[in-house]
Amino acid sequence: MTIRNLDALFEPKSIAVVGASRRSGSLGSVLARNLFNGGFQGPIMPVHPRHEAIEGVLAYPSVDALPQTPDLAVIATPPDSVAELVAAFGKRGTRAAVIITAGFGEGGDGQGAVRRQAILDAAKPNLLRVVGPNCLGMMVPGIGLDASFSHVAPLPGNLAFVTQSGAMVTAMLDWATPRGIGFSKVVSLGDKADVDFGDLLDYLAMDMQTRAILLYIESVAHARKFLSAARIAARNKPVIVVKGGRHAEGAKAVASHTGALAGADAV
């Protein structure tokens, strides 16, 4: 599907978040803090069936109750609820979603694989694009968008960083931020159910805010698509690829994280 509707991911005018929490120290509370304090200038609308407000912002009991259609949905709810939420946002006209939640087939879990397919089936009728599931989230520092549970916010810059691993995002930001190195986009792809490296290479190749692209790759599901996108992107700007899981220990770690088979370097 390549770059269709990725503008809603990287340039949203409005955002809805489901799964934000007021419980201190929880993933949902970190996600809410990052979203509401990142500097994003558009409306951010929490959806919560019990709380009246999150981070001091009025919450709505359901997707249908939202006063306007969000361009981007950020979802961090239990895995069995995610497909229904994706379908509801798709019907509202939302064009992209970031799914933080895990439990979609990592490590060969059969029930999780069923949930993963349910997400894709829910998104397809309305062409809603999905980042994740099982990811740290994504960030666009230039517009104050931090849809992640990272403990460090990236500085604005012109380097795009795309990885499957959320841990790699936090390690990169821990290293880059004190050195004054900034980013145009930071994306944790997680399980890559929909949006993958090839899609983002196609988008970032033409992104005026990105001067170079850095990828940390554990696995490539669609090799021809990836290579074609990489060739095109590399004609416009530097593309640097770091391949994880080259050795047995690394491949085992990758498999336990995303369920990917990453032992072979051959594409």
C-alpha atoms as a PDB file:
ATOM      1  CA  MET A   1       0.000   0.000   0.000  1.00  0.00           C
ATOM      2  CA  THR A   2       3.145   2.185   0.280  1.00  0.00           C
ATOM      3  CA  ILE A   3       2.655   5.892   1.274  1.00  0.00           C
ATOM      4  CA  ARG A   4      -1.149   6.154   1.123  1.00  0.00           C
ATOM      5  CA  ASN A   5      -2.453   8.041   4.184  1.00  0.00           C
ATOM      6  CA  LEU A   6       0.973   8.310   5.814  1.00  0.00           C
ATOM      7  CA  ASP A   7       0.474  12.075   5.846  1.00  0.00           C
ATOM      8  CA  ALA A   8      -2.096  11.472   8.594  1.00  0.00           C
ATOM      9  CA  LEU A   9       0.613   9.719  10.586  1.00  0.00           C
ATOM     10  CA  PHE A  10       3.301  12.374  10.250  1.00  0.00           C
ATOM     11  CA  GLU A  11       1.215  15.541   9.756  1.00  0.00           C
ATOM     12  CA  PRO A  12      -2.008  15.021  11.725  1.00  0.00           C
ATOM     13  CA  LYS A  13      -4.219  17.980  12.481  1.00  0.00           C
ATOM     14  CA  SER A  14      -5.933  16.175  15.379  1.00  0.00           C
ATOM     15  CA  ILE A  15      -5.267  13.112  17.539  1.00  0.00           C
ATOM     16  CA  ALA A  16      -7.322  10.712  19.659  1.00  0.00           C
ATOM     17  CA  VAL A  17      -5.730   8.535  22.332  1.00  0.00           C
ATOM     18  CA  VAL A  18      -7.316   5.404  23.816  1.00  0.00           C
ATOM     19  CA  GLY A  19      -5.671   3.800  26.819  1.00  0.00           C
ATOM     20  CA  ALA A  20      -4.188   6.919  28.416  1.00  0.00           C
ATOM     21  CA  SER A  21      -4.172   6.555  32.183  1.00  0.00           C
ATOM     22  CA  ARG A  22      -4.008   8.616  35.358  1.00  0.00           C
ATOM     23  CA  ARG A  23      -2.232   5.796  37.232  1.00  0.00           C
ATOM     24  CA  SER A  24       1.259   7.027  38.061  1.00  0.00           C
ATOM     25  CA  GLY A  25       4.066   5.070  36.459  1.00  0.00           C
ATOM     26  CA  SER A  26       1.852   3.125  34.062  1.00  0.00           C
ATOM     27  CA  LEU A  27       2.479   2.946  30.330  1.00  0.00           C
ATOM     28  CA  GLY A  28      -0.774   4.809  29.761  1.00  0.00           C
ATOM     29  CA  SER A  29       0.250   7.678  32.024  1.00  0.00           C
ATOM     30  CA  VAL A  30       3.644   8.066  30.303  1.00  0.00           C
ATOM     31  CA  LEU A  31       1.918   7.996  26.913  1.00  0.00           C
ATOM     32  CA  ALA A  32      -0.554  10.686  28.048  1.00  0.00           C
ATOM     33  CA  ARG A  33       2.196  12.854  29.505  1.00  0.00           C
ATOM     34  CA  ASN A  34       4.219  12.691  26.293  1.00  0.00           C
ATOM     35  CA  LEU A  35       1.247  13.427  24.059  1.00  0.00           C
ATOM     36  CA  PHE A  36      -0.152  16.329  26.062  1.00  0.00           C
ATOM     37  CA  ASN A  37       3.177  17.932  26.935  1.00  0.00           C
ATOM     38  CA  GLY A  38       5.017  17.507  23.637  1.00  0.00           C
ATOM     39  CA  GLY A  39       3.884  20.825  22.186  1.00  0.00           C
ATOM     40  CA  PHE A  40       1.433  19.542  19.558  1.00  0.00           C
ATOM     41  CA  GLN A  41      -0.793  22.459  18.539  1.00  0.00           C
ATOM     42  CA  GLY A  42      -3.902  20.576  17.410  1.00  0.00           C
ATOM     43  CA  PRO A  43      -6.626  18.989  19.541  1.00  0.00           C
ATOM     44  CA  ILE A  44      -5.728  15.801  21.439  1.00  0.00           C
ATOM     45  CA  MET A  45      -8.864  13.940  22.497  1.00  0.00           C
ATOM     46  CA  PRO A  46      -8.672  11.200  25.154  1.00  0.00           C
ATOM     47  CA  VAL A  47     -11.154   8.336  24.977  1.00  0.00           C
ATOM     48  CA  HIS A  48     -11.856   6.709  28.348  1.00  0.00           C
ATOM     49  CA  PRO A  49     -15.033   4.982  29.546  1.00  0.00           C
ATOM     50  CA  ARG A  50     -14.581   5.930  33.213  1.00  0.00           C
ATOM     51  CA  HIS A  51     -12.459   9.065  33.643  1.00  0.00           C
ATOM     52  CA  GLU A  52     -13.886  12.508  32.926  1.00  0.00           C
ATOM     53  CA  ALA A  53     -10.458  13.948  32.137  1.00  0.00           C
ATOM     54  CA  ILE A  54      -6.893  12.854  31.371  1.00  0.00           C
ATOM     55  CA  GLU A  55      -4.021  15.293  32.008  1.00  0.00           C
ATOM     56  CA  GLY A  56      -6.648  17.950  32.628  1.00  0.00           C
ATOM     57  CA  VAL A  57      -8.242  17.425  29.193  1.00  0.00           C
ATOM     58  CA  LEU A  58     -11.902  16.423  28.840  1.00  0.00           C
ATOM     59  CA  ALA A  59     -12.241  12.724  27.989  1.00  0.00           C
ATOM     60  CA  TYR A  60     -14.935  11.113  25.864  1.00  0.00           C
ATOM     61  CA  PRO A  61     -16.580   7.762  26.672  1.00  0.00           C
ATOM     62  CA  SER A  62     -16.256   6.250  23.183  1.00  0.00           C
ATOM     63  CA  VAL A  63     -14.926   6.820  19.687  1.00  0.00           C
ATOM     64  CA  ASP A  64     -18.428   7.708  18.489  1.00  0.00           C
ATOM     65  CA  ALA A  65     -18.644  10.442  21.155  1.00  0.00           C
ATOM     66  CA  LEU A  66     -15.632  12.355  19.846  1.00  0.00           C
ATOM     67  CA  PRO A  67     -16.598  15.874  18.712  1.00  0.00           C
ATOM     68  CA  GLN A  68     -14.516  15.614  15.519  1.00  0.00           C
ATOM     69  CA  THR A  69     -12.781  12.949  13.472  1.00  0.00           C
ATOM     70  CA  PRO A  70      -9.113  12.596  14.447  1.00  0.00           C
ATOM     71  CA  ASP A  71      -6.535  12.154  11.702  1.00  0.00           C
ATOM     72  CA  LEU A  72      -4.458   9.902  13.966  1.00  0.00           C
ATOM     73  CA  ALA A  73      -5.481   7.430  16.667  1.00  0.00           C
ATOM     74  CA  VAL A  74      -3.072   6.190  19.339  1.00  0.00           C
ATOM     75  CA  ILE A  75      -4.202   2.924  20.952  1.00  0.00           C
ATOM     76  CA  ALA A  76      -2.802   1.315  24.113  1.00  0.00           C
ATOM     77  CA  THR A  77      -5.635  -0.910  25.334  1.00  0.00           C
ATOM     78  CA  PRO A  78      -5.824  -4.684  26.010  1.00  0.00           C
ATOM     79  CA  PRO A  79      -5.246  -6.702  22.802  1.00  0.00           C
ATOM     80  CA  ASP A  80      -8.769  -8.115  22.494  1.00  0.00           C
ATOM     81  CA  SER A  81     -10.202  -4.593  22.267  1.00  0.00           C
ATOM     82  CA  VAL A  82      -7.910  -3.238  19.558  1.00  0.00           C
ATOM     83  CA  ALA A  83      -9.575  -4.534  16.366  1.00  0.00           C
ATOM     84  CA  GLU A  84     -12.948  -3.101  17.430  1.00  0.00           C
ATOM     85  CA  LEU A  85     -11.331   0.279  18.083  1.00  0.00           C
ATOM     86  CA  VAL A  86      -9.574   0.242  14.707  1.00  0.00           C
ATOM     87  CA  ALA A  87     -12.895  -0.491  13.011  1.00  0.00           C
ATOM     88  CA  ALA A  88     -14.606   2.332  14.922  1.00  0.00           C
ATOM     89  CA  PHE A  89     -11.923   4.857  14.020  1.00  0.00           C
ATOM     90  CA  GLY A  90     -11.965   3.719  10.402  1.00  0.00           C
ATOM     91  CA  LYS A  91     -15.714   4.290  10.196  1.00  0.00           C
ATOM     92  CA  ARG A  92     -15.239   7.778  11.642  1.00  0.00           C
ATOM     93  CA  GLY A  93     -12.745   8.590   8.867  1.00  0.00           C
ATOM     94  CA  THR A  94      -9.486   8.361  10.819  1.00  0.00           C
ATOM     95  CA  ARG A  95      -6.668   7.543   8.395  1.00  0.00           C
ATOM     96  CA  ALA A  96      -3.839   6.270  10.622  1.00  0.00           C
ATOM     97  CA  ALA A  97      -3.338   4.509  13.946  1.00  0.00           C
ATOM     98  CA  VAL A  98      -0.363   3.748  16.182  1.00  0.00           C
ATOM     99  CA  ILE A  99      -0.970   0.567  18.178  1.00  0.00           C
ATOM    100  CA  ILE A 100       1.266   0.340  21.243  1.00  0.00           C
ATOM    101  CA  THR A 101      -0.343  -2.843  22.582  1.00  0.00           C
ATOM    102  CA  ALA A 102       1.468  -6.191  22.398  1.00  0.00           C
ATOM    103  CA  GLY A 103      -0.119  -9.635  22.152  1.00  0.00           C
ATOM    104  CA  PHE A 104      -0.447 -10.081  18.382  1.00  0.00           C
ATOM    105  CA  GLY A 105       1.508 -13.218  17.586  1.00  0.00           C
ATOM    106  CA  GLU A 106       4.919 -12.454  19.047  1.00  0.00           C
ATOM    107  CA  GLY A 107       6.779 -15.671  19.775  1.00  0.00           C
ATOM    108  CA  GLY A 108       4.405 -17.759  17.660  1.00  0.00           C
ATOM    109  CA  ASP A 109       1.267 -17.220  19.759  1.00  0.00           C
ATOM    110  CA  GLY A 110      -1.655 -18.514  17.670  1.00  0.00           C
ATOM    111  CA  GLN A 111      -4.340 -16.428  19.353  1.00  0.00           C
ATOM    112  CA  GLY A 112      -2.203 -13.342  18.882  1.00  0.00           C
ATOM    113  CA  ALA A 113      -1.898 -14.062  15.161  1.00  0.00           C
ATOM    114  CA  VAL A 114      -5.697 -14.149  14.974  1.00  0.00           C
ATOM    115  CA  ARG A 115      -5.858 -10.753  16.686  1.00  0.00           C
ATOM    116  CA  ARG A 116      -3.274  -9.379  14.263  1.00  0.00           C
ATOM    117  CA  GLN A 117      -5.347 -10.453  11.257  1.00  0.00           C
ATOM    118  CA  ALA A 118      -8.443  -8.970  12.884  1.00  0.00           C
ATOM    119  CA  ILE A 119      -6.680  -5.588  13.038  1.00  0.00           C
ATOM    120  CA  LEU A 120      -5.842  -5.742   9.342  1.00  0.00           C
ATOM    121  CA  ASP A 121      -9.383  -6.802   8.458  1.00  0.00           C
ATOM    122  CA  ALA A 122     -10.774  -3.906  10.508  1.00  0.00           C
ATOM    123  CA  ALA A 123      -8.442  -1.351   8.916  1.00  0.00           C
ATOM    124  CA  LYS A 124      -8.725  -2.431   5.277  1.00  0.00           C
ATOM    125  CA  PRO A 125     -12.276  -1.267   4.369  1.00  0.00           C
ATOM    126  CA  ASN A 126     -11.422   2.358   5.208  1.00  0.00           C
ATOM    127  CA  LEU A 127      -7.746   2.280   4.159  1.00  0.00           C
ATOM    128  CA  LEU A 128      -6.634   3.108   7.696  1.00  0.00           C
ATOM    129  CA  ARG A 129      -2.841   2.687   8.058  1.00  0.00           C
ATOM    130  CA  VAL A 130      -1.443   0.920  11.110  1.00  0.00           C
ATOM    131  CA  VAL A 131       1.942   1.339  12.793  1.00  0.00           C
ATOM    132  CA  GLY A 132       2.647  -1.568  15.138  1.00  0.00           C
ATOM    133  CA  PRO A 133       1.304  -3.344  17.036  1.00  0.00           C
ATOM    134  CA  ASN A 134       3.775  -4.048  19.839  1.00  0.00           C
ATOM    135  CA  CYS A 135       5.730  -0.831  19.382  1.00  0.00           C
ATOM    136  CA  LEU A 136       7.066   2.070  21.429  1.00  0.00           C
ATOM    137  CA  GLY A 137       5.236   4.553  19.211  1.00  0.00           C
ATOM    138  CA  MET A 138       6.387   7.390  16.951  1.00  0.00           C
ATOM    139  CA  MET A 139       7.551  10.990  17.229  1.00  0.00           C
ATOM    140  CA  VAL A 140       7.725  14.053  15.003  1.00  0.00           C
ATOM    141  CA  PRO A 141       9.651  16.631  17.050  1.00  0.00           C
ATOM    142  CA  GLY A 142       9.159  19.438  14.528  1.00  0.00           C
ATOM    143  CA  ILE A 143       5.420  19.559  15.251  1.00  0.00           C
ATOM    144  CA  GLY A 144       5.570  18.557  18.915  1.00  0.00           C
ATOM    145  CA  LEU A 145       4.112  15.094  18.303  1.00  0.00           C
ATOM    146  CA  ASP A 146       5.248  12.444  20.790  1.00  0.00           C
ATOM    147  CA  ALA A 147       2.926   9.443  20.486  1.00  0.00           C
ATOM    148  CA  SER A 148       5.175   7.125  22.463  1.00  0.00           C
ATOM    149  CA  PHE A 149       6.017   5.957  25.963  1.00  0.00           C
ATOM    150  CA  SER A 150       9.679   6.914  25.618  1.00  0.00           C
ATOM    151  CA  HIS A 151      11.248   8.457  28.731  1.00  0.00           C
ATOM    152  CA  VAL A 152      13.279  10.855  26.558  1.00  0.00           C
ATOM    153  CA  ALA A 153      11.867  13.238  23.943  1.00  0.00           C
ATOM    154  CA  PRO A 154      13.917  13.694  20.758  1.00  0.00           C
ATOM    155  CA  LEU A 155      15.292  17.051  19.713  1.00  0.00           C
ATOM    156  CA  PRO A 156      14.144  18.414  16.340  1.00  0.00           C
ATOM    157  CA  GLY A 157      16.552  17.780  13.481  1.00  0.00           C
ATOM    158  CA  ASN A 158      16.806  16.353   9.973  1.00  0.00           C
ATOM    159  CA  LEU A 159      17.659  12.672  10.574  1.00  0.00           C
ATOM    160  CA  ALA A 160      14.878  10.070  10.345  1.00  0.00           C
ATOM    161  CA  PHE A 161      15.303   6.969  12.517  1.00  0.00           C
ATOM    162  CA  VAL A 162      13.151   3.887  11.876  1.00  0.00           C
ATOM    163  CA  THR A 163      13.432   0.633  13.814  1.00  0.00           C
ATOM    164  CA  GLN A 164      11.328  -2.323  14.886  1.00  0.00           C
ATOM    165  CA  SER A 165      12.724  -2.244  18.407  1.00  0.00           C
ATOM    166  CA  GLY A 166      11.392   0.159  21.008  1.00  0.00           C
ATOM    167  CA  ALA A 167      14.494  -0.466  23.122  1.00  0.00           C
ATOM    168  CA  MET A 168      16.643   0.713  20.223  1.00  0.00           C
ATOM    169  CA  VAL A 169      14.655   3.971  20.105  1.00  0.00           C
ATOM    170  CA  THR A 170      15.282   4.673  23.785  1.00  0.00           C
ATOM    171  CA  ALA A 171      18.971   3.734  23.465  1.00  0.00           C
ATOM    172  CA  MET A 172      19.357   6.044  20.459  1.00  0.00           C
ATOM    173  CA  LEU A 173      17.641   8.964  22.197  1.00  0.00           C
ATOM    174  CA  ASP A 174      19.676   8.420  25.378  1.00  0.00           C
ATOM    175  CA  TRP A 175      22.810   8.751  23.241  1.00  0.00           C
ATOM    176  CA  ALA A 176      21.715  11.478  20.821  1.00  0.00           C
ATOM    177  CA  THR A 177      19.917  13.975  23.075  1.00  0.00           C
ATOM    178  CA  PRO A 178      22.862  15.010  25.296  1.00  0.00           C
ATOM    179  CA  ARG A 179      24.955  15.389  22.125  1.00  0.00           C
ATOM    180  CA  GLY A 180      22.464  17.791  20.564  1.00  0.00           C
ATOM    181  CA  ILE A 181      21.543  15.405  17.710  1.00  0.00           C
ATOM    182  CA  GLY A 182      17.964  15.847  16.527  1.00  0.00           C
ATOM    183  CA  PHE A 183      15.475  13.945  14.404  1.00  0.00           C
ATOM    184  CA  SER A 184      12.794  14.705  11.827  1.00  0.00           C
ATOM    185  CA  LYS A 185      10.917  11.467  12.523  1.00  0.00           C
ATOM    186  CA  VAL A 186      11.410   8.586  14.961  1.00  0.00           C
ATOM    187  CA  VAL A 187       9.302   5.473  14.343  1.00  0.00           C
ATOM    188  CA  SER A 188       9.161   2.163  16.189  1.00  0.00           C
ATOM    189  CA  LEU A 189       7.460  -0.282  13.800  1.00  0.00           C
ATOM    190  CA  GLY A 190       7.086  -3.205  16.207  1.00  0.00           C
ATOM    191  CA  ASP A 191       5.410  -6.161  14.495  1.00  0.00           C
ATOM    192  CA  LYS A 192       4.962  -4.327  11.149  1.00  0.00           C
ATOM    193  CA  ALA A 193       1.447  -5.628  10.593  1.00  0.00           C
ATOM    194  CA  ASP A 194       0.854  -2.926   7.966  1.00  0.00           C
ATOM    195  CA  VAL A 195       3.340  -0.050   7.665  1.00  0.00           C
ATOM    196  CA  ASP A 196       6.837  -1.433   7.084  1.00  0.00           C
ATOM    197  CA  PHE A 197      10.341  -0.277   6.175  1.00  0.00           C
ATOM    198  CA  GLY A 198       9.544  -0.094   2.463  1.00  0.00           C
ATOM    199  CA  ASP A 199       6.557   2.182   3.043  1.00  0.00           C
ATOM    200  CA  LEU A 200       8.545   4.553   5.234  1.00  0.00           C
ATOM    201  CA  LEU A 201      11.492   4.637   2.836  1.00  0.00           C
ATOM    202  CA  ASP A 202       9.095   5.699   0.068  1.00  0.00           C
ATOM    203  CA  TYR A 203       7.657   8.448   2.279  1.00  0.00           C
ATOM    204  CA  LEU A 204      10.937   9.688   3.758  1.00  0.00           C
ATOM    205  CA  ALA A 205      12.648   9.788   0.353  1.00  0.00           C
ATOM    206  CA  MET A 206      10.439  12.768  -0.536  1.00  0.00           C
ATOM    207  CA  ASP A 207      10.186  14.285   2.936  1.00  0.00           C
ATOM    208  CA  MET A 208      11.665  17.792   2.875  1.00  0.00           C
ATOM    209  CA  GLN A 209      12.347  17.723   6.639  1.00  0.00           C
ATOM    210  CA  THR A 210      14.551  14.613   6.321  1.00  0.00           C
ATOM    211  CA  ARG A 211      18.107  14.850   4.975  1.00  0.00           C
ATOM    212  CA  ALA A 212      19.245  11.312   5.904  1.00  0.00           C
ATOM    213  CA  ILE A 213      17.576   8.030   6.884  1.00  0.00           C
ATOM    214  CA  LEU A 214      18.829   5.541   9.476  1.00  0.00           C
ATOM    215  CA  LEU A 215      17.227   2.091   9.723  1.00  0.00           C
ATOM    216  CA  TYR A 216      17.788  -0.558  12.376  1.00  0.00           C
ATOM    217  CA  ILE A 217      16.310  -3.720  10.878  1.00  0.00           C
ATOM    218  CA  GLU A 218      15.568  -7.038  12.525  1.00  0.00           C
ATOM    219  CA  SER A 219      13.682  -8.588   9.611  1.00  0.00           C
ATOM    220  CA  VAL A 220      12.361  -7.706   6.138  1.00  0.00           C
ATOM    221  CA  ALA A 221       9.039  -9.265   5.161  1.00  0.00           C
ATOM    222  CA  HIS A 222       8.814  -7.937   1.583  1.00  0.00           C
ATOM    223  CA  ALA A 223      12.354  -7.967   0.215  1.00  0.00           C
ATOM    224  CA  ARG A 224      11.664  -6.736  -3.333  1.00  0.00           C
ATOM    225  CA  LYS A 225       9.543  -3.860  -2.078  1.00  0.00           C
ATOM    226  CA  PHE A 226      12.218  -2.900   0.456  1.00  0.00           C
ATOM    227  CA  LEU A 227      15.083  -2.981  -2.058  1.00  0.00           C
ATOM    228  CA  SER A 228      13.134  -0.953  -4.607  1.00  0.00           C
ATOM    229  CA  ALA A 229      12.276   1.691  -1.990  1.00  0.00           C
ATOM    230  CA  ALA A 230      15.864   1.746  -0.699  1.00  0.00           C
ATOM    231  CA  ARG A 231      17.295   2.307  -4.194  1.00  0.00           C
ATOM    232  CA  ILE A 232      14.934   5.199  -4.862  1.00  0.00           C
ATOM    233  CA  ALA A 233      15.519   6.804  -1.464  1.00  0.00           C
ATOM    234  CA  ALA A 234      19.295   6.470  -1.776  1.00  0.00           C
ATOM    235  CA  ARG A 235      19.224   8.554  -4.970  1.00  0.00           C
ATOM    236  CA  ASN A 236      17.857  11.481  -2.970  1.00  0.00           C
ATOM    237  CA  LYS A 237      19.628  11.253   0.392  1.00  0.00           C
ATOM    238  CA  PRO A 238      21.914   8.983   2.445  1.00  0.00           C
ATOM    239  CA  VAL A 239      20.289   5.755   3.677  1.00  0.00           C
ATOM    240  CA  ILE A 240      22.143   3.823   6.397  1.00  0.00           C
ATOM    241  CA  VAL A 241      20.958   0.329   7.342  1.00  0.00           C
ATOM    242  CA  VAL A 242      22.068  -1.562  10.460  1.00  0.00           C
ATOM    243  CA  LYS A 243      20.985  -5.225  10.474  1.00  0.00           C
ATOM    244  CA  GLY A 244      20.304  -6.842  13.840  1.00  0.00           C
ATOM    245  CA  GLY A 245      20.193 -10.559  14.610  1.00  0.00           C
ATOM    246  CA  ARG A 246      23.234 -11.519  12.530  1.00  0.00           C
ATOM    247  CA  HIS A 247      24.472 -13.969  15.161  1.00  0.00           C
ATOM    248  CA  ALA A 248      22.616 -16.728  16.990  1.00  0.00           C
ATOM    249  CA  GLU A 249      22.232 -14.782  20.241  1.00  0.00           C
ATOM    250  CA  GLY A 250      20.908 -11.726  18.436  1.00  0.00           C
ATOM    251  CA  ALA A 251      18.508 -13.751  16.323  1.00  0.00           C
ATOM    252  CA  LYS A 252      17.123 -15.410  19.450  1.00  0.00           C
ATOM    253  CA  ALA A 253      16.572 -12.008  21.076  1.00  0.00           C
ATOM    254  CA  VAL A 254      14.817 -10.714  17.959  1.00  0.00           C
ATOM    255  CA  ALA A 255      12.511 -13.732  17.815  1.00  0.00           C
ATOM    256  CA  SER A 256      11.525 -13.309  21.448  1.00  0.00           C
ATOM    257  CA  HIS A 257      10.811  -9.615  20.867  1.00  0.00           C
ATOM    258  CA  THR A 258       8.801  -9.417  17.631  1.00  0.00           C
ATOM    259  CA  GLY A 259       8.488 -13.036  16.573  1.00  0.00           C
ATOM    260  CA  ALA A 260      10.650 -12.230  13.529  1.00  0.00           C
ATOM    261  CA  LEU A 261      13.146 -14.639  12.005  1.00  0.00           C
ATOM    262  CA  ALA A 262      16.272 -12.532  11.689  1.00  0.00           C
ATOM    263  CA  GLY A 263      19.189 -14.921  11.550  1.00  0.00           C
ATOM    264  CA  ALA A 264      20.095 -14.588   7.863  1.00  0.00           C
ATOM    265  CA  ASP A 265      21.689 -11.494   6.337  1.00  0.00           C
ATOM    266  CA  ALA A 266      20.570 -12.471   2.829  1.00  0.00           C
ATOM    267  CA  VAL A 267      17.600 -10.472   1.527  1.00  0.00           C
END
